[in-house]
């Protein structure tokens, strides 16, 4: 095989793994665990090698995110060949059976890593992975397509603290923020593909709202998230929160002003909103850690 063809093949497999969103979620899991550990009373911190447990939880999150994205592409392959022919399976660069094997193997490996971190992380991973798989294998075509996005994203900041045996302060607020960002990211992800998804027979929330409605609601939710991060952090750690909120708001503005790209060329406008959501989460967690720790 010529080197150029071999490089193109590796690139197709890399794109199949959806590395960007997977990396953002993994980073949030890691920082959430560190933030909770830093904020916990030293007497409440269980003994043990906490970095190894946090690494296991982060690996579990990375594998779960990869599994969800790969299985989504494997399930959608027949429709993608007709309406989104730029995707790795649709182009023929990645055999569909390989995608099924990679997705299922990564899902199983994520559960093994989560179990190594403890029973509670395993339960959270079952919820998160189940949410992702339910979206990828059918719910993405229904009016409740936002539910697995919201429930799956809500587990992302909880997995790291659970692996360390500590609670994340303001956990209810964190879950609400993550779920809201999940709905916003779902709309940002689905909005540009509405016409193709409608032709493929889907009835997801982005289709019901329309492209402009999905874009407006997505930006509204991400903007509300930026405001919540900026105002919901103790004064001592506010500069970190304001930094994350500022980066997130700037990315939302950039996404709002950017021309709509043609997904048939393989462009990925979802990257900007995903980075915005990650910036908000990181700003919140760093701000809380710096603001409440001694």
Foldseek 3Di string as FASTA:
>chain_A
DDPVLVVVLVVLVVVLQVPQLLVLLLVLQLLLLVLQVQQDDPVQFDDDDLVLLLVLLSLLSSLLSSLLSLLLCLQCQVLCLVQQCVHSCNVVSDPSVVSNVSSVVSNVSSLVSQVVLHDVLNVLSCLLSVLSNCLSNPLVQAQVSLVSLLRNQLSSSVNSNVSRVGGRPVSVVSSVLSSLLSSLLSLQQCLLCLVSSVVVNGDYNNVVLHNVRSLVSSLVSLLVLLVCQQPVFAPQLNVLSPQLSVQLNVLNVVLVPDDRDRCSVVDGSSSSSSVSSSSNSSSNSRRNSRRNGD
